N, C-alpha and C. Protein backbone atom coordinates (compact mmCIF):
# COMPACT_ATOMS: atom_id res chain seq x y z
N MET A 1 1.22 -1.63 -0.05
CA MET A 1 -0.23 0.31 -0.56
C MET A 1 0.25 1.52 0.31
N ASN A 2 0.35 2.42 -0.42
CA ASN A 2 1.39 3.16 -0.85
C ASN A 2 1.30 4.87 -0.15
N LEU A 3 2.02 5.13 0.43
CA LEU A 3 0.48 6.38 1.58
C LEU A 3 -0.36 7.00 1.46
N TYR A 4 0.12 7.90 0.23
CA TYR A 4 -0.79 8.00 -0.36
C TYR A 4 -2.79 7.13 0.26
N THR A 5 -2.85 6.30 0.16
CA THR A 5 -3.83 4.95 -0.05
C THR A 5 -4.21 4.76 1.30
N LYS A 6 -2.77 4.51 2.65
CA LYS A 6 -3.53 4.58 3.71
C LYS A 6 -3.44 6.29 4.71
N LEU A 7 -2.84 7.76 3.83
CA LEU A 7 -3.84 8.44 4.14
C LEU A 7 -5.86 8.20 4.45
N ALA A 8 -5.41 7.78 2.67
CA ALA A 8 -7.03 8.24 2.17
C ALA A 8 -7.76 7.50 3.52
N CYS A 9 -7.67 5.92 3.92
CA CYS A 9 -8.00 5.03 4.57
C CYS A 9 -7.74 5.36 5.60
N PHE A 10 -7.66 6.67 6.35
CA PHE A 10 -7.53 7.22 7.70
C PHE A 10 -8.54 8.61 7.65
N ALA A 11 -7.58 8.67 6.50
CA ALA A 11 -8.78 10.46 6.97
C ALA A 11 -10.04 9.55 7.15
N GLY A 12 -10.38 8.78 5.91
CA GLY A 12 -11.95 7.60 5.60
C GLY A 12 -12.33 7.93 7.18
N GLY A 13 -11.59 7.13 7.83
CA GLY A 13 -11.57 6.30 8.80
C GLY A 13 -11.97 7.98 10.11
N ALA A 14 -11.15 8.88 9.72
CA ALA A 14 -11.62 10.17 11.47
C ALA A 14 -12.43 10.36 10.67
N LEU A 15 -13.41 10.28 9.60
CA LEU A 15 -14.46 11.45 8.81
C LEU A 15 -15.83 10.20 9.31
N PHE A 16 -15.76 8.91 9.05
CA PHE A 16 -16.82 8.35 9.43
C PHE A 16 -16.79 8.14 10.60
N GLY A 17 -15.88 8.08 11.74
CA GLY A 17 -15.71 8.17 13.22
C GLY A 17 -16.52 9.63 13.95
N SER A 18 -16.27 10.26 13.49
CA SER A 18 -16.83 11.83 13.65
C SER A 18 -18.73 11.40 12.77
N PHE A 19 -18.46 11.75 12.07
CA PHE A 19 -20.17 11.40 11.94
C PHE A 19 -20.77 9.90 12.34
N GLY A 20 -19.73 8.36 12.53
CA GLY A 20 -20.63 8.10 13.26
C GLY A 20 -21.46 8.69 15.00
N VAL A 21 -20.25 9.05 15.45
CA VAL A 21 -20.92 9.90 16.87
C VAL A 21 -21.88 10.75 17.18
N LYS A 22 -22.38 11.22 16.05
CA LYS A 22 -22.76 12.72 15.61
C LYS A 22 -24.67 11.73 15.36
N LEU A 23 -24.72 10.81 14.71
CA LEU A 23 -25.58 9.73 14.52
C LEU A 23 -25.79 9.17 15.21
N LEU A 24 -24.97 8.37 16.01
CA LEU A 24 -25.23 7.97 17.63
C LEU A 24 -25.51 8.40 18.80
N SER A 25 -26.14 10.37 18.76
CA SER A 25 -26.54 10.86 19.53
C SER A 25 -27.20 10.96 18.63
N SER A 26 -27.73 11.20 18.11
CA SER A 26 -28.91 12.00 17.35
C SER A 26 -30.07 11.53 18.61
N GLN A 27 -31.47 12.45 18.11
CA GLN A 27 -32.45 12.73 18.82
C GLN A 27 -33.59 10.58 18.04
N ASP A 28 -32.96 10.54 16.15
CA ASP A 28 -34.03 9.43 15.62
C ASP A 28 -33.44 7.91 16.39
N ALA A 29 -31.35 8.00 17.10
CA ALA A 29 -30.64 7.31 17.37
C ALA A 29 -31.20 6.43 18.81
N LYS A 30 -31.62 7.89 19.32
CA LYS A 30 -32.08 7.47 20.57
C LYS A 30 -33.81 7.39 20.95
N LYS A 31 -34.12 7.67 19.43
CA LYS A 31 -35.84 6.78 19.57
C LYS A 31 -35.12 5.15 19.18
N ALA A 32 -34.45 5.25 18.81
CA ALA A 32 -35.00 3.78 18.11
C ALA A 32 -33.33 2.95 19.30
N TYR A 33 -33.45 3.72 20.52
CA TYR A 33 -33.15 2.57 21.06
C TYR A 33 -33.70 2.39 22.31
N ILE A 34 -34.69 3.25 22.78
CA ILE A 34 -36.14 2.72 23.61
C ILE A 34 -36.50 1.69 22.92
N HIS A 35 -36.68 2.46 21.98
CA HIS A 35 -37.65 0.96 21.14
C HIS A 35 -37.59 -0.19 21.12
N ALA A 36 -35.79 0.11 21.38
CA ALA A 36 -35.05 -2.42 20.83
C ALA A 36 -34.77 -2.02 23.00
N THR A 37 -34.68 -1.13 23.01
CA THR A 37 -35.17 -1.65 24.85
C THR A 37 -36.10 -2.07 25.34
N ALA A 38 -37.07 -1.55 25.67
CA ALA A 38 -38.56 -1.50 25.64
C ALA A 38 -39.07 -3.27 24.82
N ALA A 39 -38.57 -3.22 23.62
CA ALA A 39 -38.95 -4.49 23.07
C ALA A 39 -38.20 -5.45 23.26
N GLY A 40 -37.24 -5.79 24.11
CA GLY A 40 -36.36 -6.72 24.85
C GLY A 40 -36.79 -6.88 26.25
N LEU A 41 -37.29 -6.04 26.88
CA LEU A 41 -37.82 -5.42 28.22
C LEU A 41 -38.93 -7.07 28.03
N ARG A 42 -40.52 -6.60 26.62
CA ARG A 42 -41.15 -7.09 26.50
C ARG A 42 -40.37 -8.92 26.03
N MET A 43 -39.77 -9.06 25.50
CA MET A 43 -39.51 -10.57 25.29
C MET A 43 -39.38 -10.48 26.57
N LYS A 44 -38.45 -10.37 27.32
CA LYS A 44 -37.62 -11.50 28.61
C LYS A 44 -39.10 -10.73 29.33
N ASP A 45 -40.55 -10.14 30.08
CA ASP A 45 -41.17 -10.53 29.79
C ASP A 45 -41.64 -11.95 29.74
N CYS A 46 -42.02 -12.13 28.09
CA CYS A 46 -42.32 -13.44 27.78
C CYS A 46 -41.50 -14.83 28.67
N VAL A 47 -40.52 -14.36 27.61
CA VAL A 47 -39.15 -15.72 28.22
C VAL A 47 -40.13 -16.13 29.71
N MET A 48 -39.89 -14.89 30.41
CA MET A 48 -39.67 -15.73 32.52
C MET A 48 -40.81 -16.29 32.58
N LYS A 49 -42.46 -15.78 31.03
CA LYS A 49 -43.30 -16.42 32.16
C LYS A 49 -42.84 -17.61 31.89
N THR A 50 -42.54 -17.88 30.11
CA THR A 50 -42.32 -19.87 29.93
C THR A 50 -41.98 -19.91 30.52
N VAL A 51 -40.35 -19.89 31.19
CA VAL A 51 -39.43 -20.42 32.05
C VAL A 51 -40.52 -20.55 33.31
N THR A 52 -40.88 -19.41 33.85
CA THR A 52 -42.38 -20.39 34.58
C THR A 52 -42.42 -21.41 34.79
N ASN A 53 -43.85 -21.33 33.50
CA ASN A 53 -44.18 -21.97 33.39
C ASN A 53 -43.61 -23.57 32.91
N ALA A 54 -42.99 -23.67 32.95
CA ALA A 54 -42.05 -24.99 32.91
C ALA A 54 -41.43 -25.58 33.91
N GLN A 55 -41.12 -24.53 34.80
CA GLN A 55 -40.52 -24.43 36.39
C GLN A 55 -41.54 -25.70 36.53
N GLU A 56 -43.05 -24.88 36.86
CA GLU A 56 -44.30 -25.28 37.44
C GLU A 56 -44.39 -26.62 37.24
N ASN A 57 -43.92 -26.73 35.75
CA ASN A 57 -44.56 -28.26 35.07
C ASN A 57 -43.77 -28.95 35.97
N ALA A 58 -42.23 -28.65 35.52
CA ALA A 58 -41.40 -30.32 36.35
C ALA A 58 -41.27 -30.42 37.99
N ALA A 59 -41.55 -28.80 38.52
CA ALA A 59 -42.05 -29.83 39.36
C ALA A 59 -43.77 -30.61 39.97
N ASP A 60 -44.48 -30.75 39.24
CA ASP A 60 -45.19 -31.14 38.66
C ASP A 60 -44.66 -32.79 38.65
N ILE A 61 -44.79 -32.84 37.07
CA ILE A 61 -43.41 -33.35 37.42
C ILE A 61 -42.84 -34.32 38.90
N LEU A 62 -42.18 -33.93 39.30
CA LEU A 62 -41.19 -34.08 40.54
C LEU A 62 -41.69 -34.67 41.32
N ALA A 63 -42.91 -34.44 41.63
CA ALA A 63 -43.35 -34.06 42.56
C ALA A 63 -44.76 -35.77 42.54
N SER A 64 -45.19 -35.31 40.93
CA SER A 64 -46.00 -37.09 40.87
C SER A 64 -44.32 -38.48 40.92
N ALA A 65 -44.16 -37.96 40.62
CA ALA A 65 -42.19 -39.79 40.29
C ALA A 65 -42.41 -39.52 41.93
N LYS A 66 -42.17 -38.85 42.51
CA LYS A 66 -41.83 -38.74 44.19
C LYS A 66 -43.22 -40.30 44.37
N ASP A 67 -44.49 -39.65 44.24
CA ASP A 67 -44.97 -40.31 44.90
C ASP A 67 -45.41 -41.93 44.34
N MET A 68 -45.01 -41.89 42.60
CA MET A 68 -45.20 -43.70 42.25
C MET A 68 -44.10 -44.21 42.77
N ASN A 69 -42.81 -43.39 43.76
CA ASN A 69 -41.83 -44.22 43.42
C ASN A 69 -42.15 -44.80 44.78
N GLU A 70 -42.44 -43.85 45.68
CA GLU A 70 -43.35 -44.07 47.38
C GLU A 70 -44.38 -45.39 47.05
N ALA A 71 -44.93 -45.48 45.81
CA ALA A 71 -46.32 -46.77 46.70
C ALA A 71 -45.53 -47.99 45.54
N ARG A 72 -43.93 -47.76 44.59
CA ARG A 72 -44.08 -48.33 44.80
C ARG A 72 -42.64 -49.67 45.30
N SER A 73 -41.80 -48.28 46.65
CA SER A 73 -41.53 -49.13 47.93
C SER A 73 -43.03 -49.65 48.19
N ALA A 74 -42.95 -49.14 48.72
CA ALA A 74 -45.08 -49.79 49.99
C ALA A 74 -45.17 -51.04 48.95
N ALA A 75 -44.99 -51.00 47.90
CA ALA A 75 -45.64 -52.14 47.01
C ALA A 75 -44.81 -53.72 47.79
N GLN A 76 -43.75 -53.51 46.68
CA GLN A 76 -42.43 -54.68 47.82
C GLN A 76 -42.61 -54.71 48.98
N CYS A 77 -42.45 -53.81 49.75
CA CYS A 77 -42.40 -53.65 51.19
C CYS A 77 -43.85 -54.74 51.80
N GLU A 78 -44.53 -54.58 50.45
CA GLU A 78 -45.59 -55.24 50.98
C GLU A 78 -45.62 -57.13 50.57
N ALA A 79 -45.10 -56.39 49.03
CA ALA A 79 -44.28 -58.34 49.00
C ALA A 79 -44.14 -58.97 49.43
N ALA A 80 -42.87 -58.45 49.63
CA ALA A 80 -41.93 -58.72 51.02
C ALA A 80 -42.54 -59.62 51.59
N ALA A 81 -43.06 -59.06 52.78
CA ALA A 81 -44.13 -59.32 53.70
C ALA A 81 -44.44 -60.63 53.34
N ALA A 82 -45.41 -60.74 52.17
CA ALA A 82 -46.67 -61.29 52.38
C ALA A 82 -45.38 -63.02 52.08
N ALA A 83 -44.35 -62.55 51.24
CA ALA A 83 -43.02 -63.42 50.83
C ALA A 83 -42.58 -63.95 52.38
N GLU A 84 -42.42 -63.85 52.63
CA GLU A 84 -41.78 -63.80 54.25
C GLU A 84 -42.80 -64.70 55.66
N ILE A 85 -44.07 -63.90 54.74
CA ILE A 85 -45.50 -64.48 56.06
C ILE A 85 -45.38 -66.66 56.08
N ASN A 86 -45.04 -65.68 54.26
CA ASN A 86 -45.47 -68.01 52.86
C ASN A 86 -44.22 -68.56 53.35
N ASP A 87 -42.94 -68.11 54.14
CA ASP A 87 -41.83 -69.02 53.64
C ASP A 87 -41.64 -69.38 55.36
N SER A 88 -43.02 -68.62 55.63
CA SER A 88 -42.65 -68.51 57.89
C SER A 88 -43.87 -69.39 57.53
N GLU A 89 -44.28 -70.33 57.28
CA GLU A 89 -45.99 -70.95 57.02
C GLU A 89 -44.93 -72.07 56.91
N ILE A 90 -44.63 -72.20 56.11
CA ILE A 90 -43.95 -73.58 55.42
C ILE A 90 -43.10 -74.13 56.05
């Protein structure tokens, strides 16, 4: 790259940088930031509702699984007790 190309790139970057700062701090940009932030907050609320629903479902599933295991354990204990009674009678 020759000197003039490097100088032109530097000047273009400086010009674009100063124009970019003006553009990013304008009222239109501020409105766009507000709309984007509001959309993000709405999305967060929607996602949190979904997460809460999933957590509630997971809690229900866990409670049902515990109940099922307790019933199974009780049935196995009853079967073992019945087997001991049968063995002792024989």
